[in-house]
Protein backbone atom coordinates (compact mmCIF):
# COMPACT_ATOMS: atom_id res chain seq x y z
CA MET A 1 105.33 107.38 98.80
CA GLN A 2 104.20 108.16 101.93
CA LYS A 3 100.56 109.76 102.50
CA ARG A 4 99.28 112.63 104.49
CA LYS A 5 95.76 113.37 105.50
CA LEU A 6 94.38 117.43 104.75
CA GLY A 7 93.57 118.26 108.22
CA SER A 8 90.41 116.31 110.19
CA THR A 9 88.12 116.24 107.72
CA GLY A 10 90.09 115.72 104.50
CA PRO A 11 91.30 113.30 101.89
CA GLU A 12 94.24 110.95 102.48
CA VAL A 13 97.16 112.17 99.77
CA SER A 14 100.38 111.58 98.57
CA ALA A 15 103.17 113.71 101.04
CA LEU A 16 103.61 116.05 97.65
CA GLY A 17 101.17 116.47 95.18
CA PHE A 18 101.70 118.15 91.65
CA GLY A 19 100.80 121.25 90.73
CA CYS A 20 99.14 120.99 86.99
CA MET A 21 99.03 124.83 86.18
CA GLY A 22 101.81 125.39 84.74
CA LEU A 23 101.66 122.56 82.04
CA ASN A 24 99.59 125.53 79.91
CA PHE A 25 99.55 128.42 81.90
CA ALA A 26 100.78 130.87 83.19
CA TYR A 27 104.82 130.25 82.82
CA GLY A 28 105.14 130.86 78.93
CA PRO A 29 104.30 128.29 76.24
CA ALA A 30 102.10 125.08 77.00
CA LEU A 31 103.56 121.41 77.06
CA PRO A 32 101.99 119.51 74.47
CA ARG A 33 98.89 117.97 75.26
CA GLN A 34 100.21 114.50 75.37
CA ASP A 35 103.53 115.52 76.77
CA ALA A 36 101.21 116.86 79.59
CA ILE A 37 99.09 113.80 79.75
CA ASP A 38 102.42 111.64 80.28
CA LEU A 39 104.48 113.67 82.53
CA ILE A 40 100.86 113.22 84.97
CA ARG A 41 101.09 109.48 84.65
CA ALA A 42 104.51 109.32 85.19
CA ALA A 43 103.73 111.14 88.56
CA VAL A 44 101.13 108.60 88.98
CA ASP A 45 103.53 105.99 88.66
CA ARG A 46 105.99 107.60 91.26
CA GLY A 47 103.32 107.56 93.64
CA VAL A 48 101.78 110.49 93.40
CA THR A 49 97.77 110.57 94.29
CA PHE A 50 97.26 114.17 94.53
CA PHE A 51 96.84 116.68 91.40
CA ASP A 52 95.82 120.22 91.44
CA THR A 53 93.74 122.44 88.48
CA ALA A 54 91.48 125.33 88.31
CA GLU A 55 88.67 125.98 85.36
CA ALA A 56 90.85 129.29 85.20
CA TYR A 57 93.82 127.50 84.35
CA GLY A 58 93.80 127.42 80.30
CA PRO A 59 90.96 128.56 80.72
CA PHE A 60 89.59 125.44 81.02
CA THR A 61 91.89 123.13 79.03
CA ASN A 62 93.76 122.69 81.86
CA GLU A 63 91.26 120.24 83.60
CA GLU A 64 90.36 118.69 80.22
CA VAL A 65 94.34 117.64 80.36
CA VAL A 66 93.81 116.31 83.90
CA GLY A 67 90.84 114.79 83.16
CA GLU A 68 92.26 113.06 80.32
CA ALA A 69 95.23 111.72 81.69
CA LEU A 70 93.72 110.20 85.21
CA ALA A 71 90.50 108.63 83.68
CA PRO A 72 92.15 105.63 83.94
CA ILE A 73 93.03 105.28 87.20
CA ARG A 74 90.25 108.40 88.77
CA ASP A 75 89.73 105.71 92.04
CA LYS A 76 93.25 105.64 92.57
CA VAL A 77 93.64 109.56 92.72
CA VAL A 78 92.54 112.83 94.56
CA ILE A 79 91.78 115.75 92.02
CA ALA A 80 91.38 119.63 93.27
CA THR A 81 89.99 122.18 91.27
CA LYS A 82 88.45 126.04 91.72
CA PHE A 83 85.88 128.17 91.05
CA GLY A 84 85.77 131.79 91.75
CA PHE A 85 86.24 134.18 88.09
CA LYS A 86 83.66 135.46 85.60
CA GLY A 87 83.45 132.54 82.92
CA GLY A 88 87.00 130.98 84.21
CA ASP A 89 88.78 133.81 83.17
CA SER A 90 91.34 134.68 85.87
CA THR A 91 91.78 138.98 84.60
CA ALA A 92 87.62 139.57 83.86
CA GLY A 93 87.23 139.92 87.83
CA LEU A 94 85.86 137.29 90.57
CA ASP A 95 82.34 135.80 90.72
CA SER A 96 81.35 133.23 93.06
CA ARG A 97 77.82 134.02 93.16
CA PRO A 98 75.83 130.45 94.19
CA GLU A 99 74.62 129.96 90.64
CA ARG A 100 78.21 130.13 89.10
CA ILE A 101 79.47 127.94 91.53
CA ARG A 102 77.43 125.32 90.48
CA ALA A 103 77.84 125.84 86.71
CA VAL A 104 81.19 125.25 87.62
CA ALA A 105 81.03 122.07 89.62
CA ASP A 106 78.89 121.01 86.56
CA ALA A 107 81.31 121.95 83.36
CA ALA A 108 84.25 121.33 85.63
CA LEU A 109 82.79 117.29 86.04
CA LYS A 110 82.32 116.70 82.51
CA ARG A 111 86.02 118.27 82.07
CA LEU A 112 87.66 116.17 84.50
CA ARG A 113 85.84 113.13 82.99
CA THR A 114 84.27 112.43 86.26
CA ASP A 115 81.11 111.99 88.62
CA HIS A 116 82.36 113.95 91.47
CA ILE A 117 85.50 116.29 92.30
CA ASP A 118 87.33 115.09 95.50
CA LEU A 119 88.50 118.91 96.56
CA PHE A 120 86.33 121.97 95.48
CA TYR A 121 88.71 125.56 96.25
CA GLN A 122 87.10 128.86 96.05
CA HIS A 123 89.90 130.30 93.79
CA ARG A 124 89.40 133.67 95.94
CA VAL A 125 87.38 135.42 98.40
CA ASP A 126 84.66 137.80 96.61
CA PRO A 127 83.59 140.72 98.56
CA GLN A 128 80.80 140.52 96.61
CA VAL A 129 79.03 137.40 97.81
CA PRO A 130 79.08 136.55 101.84
CA MET A 131 81.24 133.82 102.83
CA GLU A 132 78.14 131.63 104.21
CA ASP A 133 76.63 131.69 100.55
CA VAL A 134 79.79 130.33 99.08
CA ALA A 135 80.33 127.67 102.00
CA GLY A 136 76.50 126.87 102.34
CA THR A 137 76.56 126.71 97.80
CA VAL A 138 79.59 123.87 98.72
CA LYS A 139 77.72 122.30 101.13
CA ASP A 140 75.05 121.94 98.87
CA LEU A 141 76.92 120.37 96.19
CA ILE A 142 78.89 117.78 98.79
CA ARG A 143 75.08 116.74 99.90
CA GLU A 144 74.36 116.24 96.31
CA GLY A 145 77.60 113.94 96.24
CA LYS A 146 79.06 116.12 93.44
CA VAL A 147 82.14 117.19 95.60
CA ARG A 148 84.02 114.97 98.79
CA HIS A 149 85.13 118.24 100.54
CA PHE A 150 85.18 122.05 100.87
CA GLY A 151 88.35 124.30 100.35
CA LEU A 152 89.53 127.85 100.46
CA SER A 153 93.04 129.67 98.59
CA GLU A 154 94.63 132.51 99.73
CA ALA A 155 91.86 133.26 101.77
CA GLY A 156 92.26 135.27 105.15
CA ALA A 157 91.25 134.07 108.77
CA ASP A 158 88.22 135.94 108.91
CA SER A 159 86.99 133.85 105.92
CA ILE A 160 88.34 130.45 106.35
CA GLN A 161 86.69 130.53 110.47
CA ARG A 162 83.30 132.11 108.51
CA ALA A 163 83.37 129.29 105.92
CA HIS A 164 84.56 126.48 108.22
CA ALA A 165 81.39 127.42 110.56
CA VAL A 166 79.19 126.95 107.85
CA GLN A 167 80.94 123.90 106.11
CA PRO A 168 83.92 122.62 107.32
CA VAL A 169 87.04 123.58 105.27
CA ALA A 170 88.94 120.58 104.69
CA ALA A 171 91.88 122.45 102.66
CA LEU A 172 93.40 125.94 102.78
CA GLN A 173 96.00 126.19 99.32
CA SER A 174 98.04 129.37 99.72
CA GLU A 175 101.52 130.23 99.22
CA TYR A 176 104.05 129.33 100.88
CA SER A 177 107.76 128.37 100.99
CA LEU A 178 110.60 129.49 102.23
CA TRP A 179 111.07 132.99 100.50
CA TRP A 180 107.33 133.70 101.71
CA ARG A 181 106.35 132.54 105.13
CA ALA A 182 103.57 135.32 105.94
CA PRO A 183 101.46 132.52 106.52
CA GLU A 184 103.12 131.16 110.09
CA ALA A 185 101.86 134.41 111.69
CA GLU A 186 98.25 133.43 112.11
CA ILE A 187 97.19 131.10 109.27
CA LEU A 188 98.53 128.10 110.49
CA PRO A 189 97.81 128.52 113.73
CA LEU A 190 94.24 128.89 112.93
CA CYS A 191 94.38 125.68 110.73
CA GLU A 192 95.76 123.82 113.45
CA THR A 193 92.98 124.85 115.77
CA LEU A 194 90.19 124.58 113.35
CA GLY A 195 91.66 120.57 112.15
CA ILE A 196 92.08 122.23 108.23
CA GLY A 197 94.48 120.81 105.87
CA PHE A 198 97.45 123.42 104.33
CA VAL A 199 98.51 122.77 100.47
CA PRO A 200 101.13 125.13 99.80
CA PHE A 201 101.45 126.03 95.46
CA SER A 202 104.70 128.16 94.47
CA PRO A 203 106.74 125.71 97.52
CA LEU A 204 110.22 126.12 94.98
CA GLY A 205 109.20 130.57 94.97
CA ARG A 206 107.75 129.81 91.09
CA GLY A 207 111.09 128.54 90.48
CA PHE A 208 113.64 130.66 91.88
CA LEU A 209 114.67 128.57 95.22
CA THR A 210 115.80 125.57 92.69
CA GLY A 211 119.11 127.40 92.22
CA LYS A 212 118.31 127.21 88.28
CA ILE A 213 117.52 130.96 87.88
CA ASP A 214 119.61 134.21 88.72
CA GLU A 215 119.40 137.47 87.49
CA THR A 216 120.69 136.90 83.70
CA THR A 217 117.88 135.14 83.60
CA THR A 218 114.83 135.64 80.51
CA PHE A 219 111.17 134.71 80.57
CA ALA A 220 108.84 133.93 77.68
CA LYS A 221 106.64 136.90 77.06
CA ASP A 222 103.67 135.56 78.54
CA ASP A 223 105.62 134.20 81.27
CA PHE A 224 103.53 135.70 84.58
CA ARG A 225 106.82 135.90 86.44
CA ASN A 226 107.65 139.29 84.03
CA VAL A 227 105.14 141.20 86.20
CA VAL A 228 106.39 139.73 89.65
CA PRO A 229 108.10 142.58 91.92
CA ARG A 230 110.42 139.82 93.45
CA PHE A 231 111.15 138.70 89.80
CA SER A 232 112.55 142.06 88.65
CA ALA A 233 117.09 141.41 88.16
CA GLU A 234 117.51 143.15 91.03
CA ASN A 235 115.65 141.47 93.48
CA ARG A 236 116.71 138.40 91.94
CA ARG A 237 120.56 139.17 92.79
CA ALA A 238 119.85 140.67 96.23
CA ASN A 239 117.69 136.66 97.05
CA GLN A 240 120.27 135.33 95.65
CA VAL A 241 121.90 134.64 99.19
CA LEU A 242 118.48 132.26 99.57
CA VAL A 243 119.25 129.88 97.17
CA ASP A 244 123.10 130.08 98.30
CA LEU A 245 122.13 128.77 101.60
CA LEU A 246 119.92 126.15 99.97
CA GLY A 247 122.93 125.46 98.12
CA LYS A 248 125.32 124.78 100.90
CA ILE A 249 122.52 122.12 103.16
CA ALA A 250 121.89 120.07 99.74
CA ALA A 251 125.44 119.55 99.30
CA GLU A 252 125.86 118.21 102.91
CA LYS A 253 122.84 116.10 102.53
CA MET A 254 123.40 114.98 99.04
CA ALA A 255 120.80 116.64 97.73
CA THR A 256 119.79 119.68 95.47
CA PRO A 257 118.58 122.72 96.72
CA ALA A 258 114.84 121.98 95.63
CA GLN A 259 114.76 118.66 97.75
CA ILE A 260 115.72 120.94 100.43
CA ALA A 261 113.06 123.61 99.85
CA LEU A 262 110.51 120.96 99.91
CA ALA A 263 111.49 118.77 102.70
CA TRP A 264 111.89 122.12 104.79
CA LEU A 265 107.61 122.26 103.86
CA LEU A 266 106.81 118.68 104.69
CA SER A 267 109.08 119.27 108.15
CA ARG A 268 106.76 121.97 109.28
CA LYS A 269 103.58 120.30 110.31
CA PRO A 270 102.18 116.64 108.95
CA TRP A 271 99.13 118.33 107.82
CA ILE A 272 101.19 120.56 105.07
CA VAL A 273 101.10 118.99 101.19
CA PRO A 274 102.75 121.17 98.73
CA ILE A 275 101.86 120.82 95.51
CA PRO A 276 104.91 121.86 93.21
CA GLY A 277 104.50 121.53 89.49
CA THR A 278 106.75 121.23 86.11
CA THR A 279 107.26 120.24 83.13
CA LYS A 280 110.21 118.09 82.92
CA LEU A 281 110.21 114.29 83.84
CA HIS A 282 113.60 114.88 85.68
CA ARG A 283 112.33 117.33 87.66
CA LEU A 284 109.57 115.23 88.73
CA ASP A 285 112.16 112.68 89.43
CA GLU A 286 113.54 115.67 91.65
CA ASN A 287 110.44 117.00 93.47
CA VAL A 288 109.54 113.04 94.34
CA GLY A 289 113.21 112.98 95.68
CA ALA A 290 112.27 115.47 98.36
CA ALA A 291 109.66 113.27 100.52
CA ALA A 292 112.49 110.84 101.18
CA ILE A 293 114.81 113.96 102.75
CA GLU A 294 114.88 113.89 106.43
CA LEU A 295 115.98 116.85 108.00
CA THR A 296 117.11 116.65 111.54
CA PRO A 297 116.78 118.87 114.36
CA VAL A 298 120.15 120.63 113.83
CA ASP A 299 119.15 121.02 110.37
CA LEU A 300 115.98 122.85 110.66
CA LEU A 301 118.01 125.02 113.83
CA HIS A 302 120.78 125.71 111.20
CA ILE A 303 118.11 126.86 108.43
CA ASN A 304 115.87 128.72 110.57
CA ASP A 305 119.07 130.48 112.28
CA ALA A 306 120.19 131.36 108.94
CA LEU A 307 116.93 132.95 107.75
CA VAL A 308 116.97 135.09 110.56
CA GLY A 309 119.67 137.20 108.61
CA ILE A 310 117.93 137.16 105.51
CA GLU A 311 116.00 139.56 103.83
CA ILE A 312 113.92 139.01 101.41
CA ARG A 313 113.62 141.70 98.47
CA GLY A 314 110.66 142.07 96.22
CA GLU A 315 106.30 141.23 96.54
CA ARG A 316 104.91 138.30 95.74
CA TYR A 317 102.54 139.96 93.77
CA PRO A 318 101.84 142.86 91.43
CA ALA A 319 99.29 145.76 93.82
CA HIS A 320 96.15 144.69 91.16
CA LEU A 321 96.86 140.54 92.02
CA ALA A 322 97.92 141.50 95.78
CA ALA A 323 94.47 142.70 96.47
CA ARG A 324 92.60 139.66 95.88
CA VAL A 325 94.76 137.78 98.57
CA GLY A 326 94.01 137.70 102.34
CA ARG A 327 90.42 138.96 102.36
């Protein structure tokens, strides 16, 4: 797989990364531990070198799985993890106090079975802690060799600029896909100006852009999508028009809708690295295959022209979680 550099100061990684969250968090029952380890190692075998986790996924168990899976080839991969929640619990509120950041780093190093974190993200901006203090703490961790690069997740323009002035931000991780293009207005231009890489999570619209979900699909009781307005049956029915568009283009390119959605993201900028996740080997192969698909200028024009006439229905987060993003 081709490599990409995350911005001007970030690491070189595979063009597609692997989002590990869904292996045991947010999308229903966890994959058996050994199966998850095997899938991560299968991704490595297919050229993936960039793996994304967080203390909040589990909490903690996702990092442990990633650490065990990648320990034998640690020097060949880039591992990103995150801090920012009280006790590592995403439902308990935000906590990016310097002492908490340091505690998370030390604990994550043990769970990941490593002596350094390649990319350390603030999971969500904490309005109670000045961004300068957050960036300064990570800067100290970088000096100490515990962290290589600093990242932010779902941060707004002001927070990005304030952080970057203290410690260069290597990457911003935020949602971005054909059905959530808000970063194009302000965030992507800012990243380009500052030399910050961009890591889209949910690049397949939490599975919707694969074409395998429709208005009749039911989710496990603990699946996060049950509370996402965009996944109401009514909104899924309305948003099917986007999946239909992807299906038509995919048929012309001898590809799948998911591959077209990922190839579109890869075409946007050379410093964009999507991190699709999956629990299935055949989906991993499908996602990896997207890196080899080249969309021509005519293809891209066709997609963009079609998107103008498509109105995506439903918010991407319930209100209490929407309040945490874009700060």
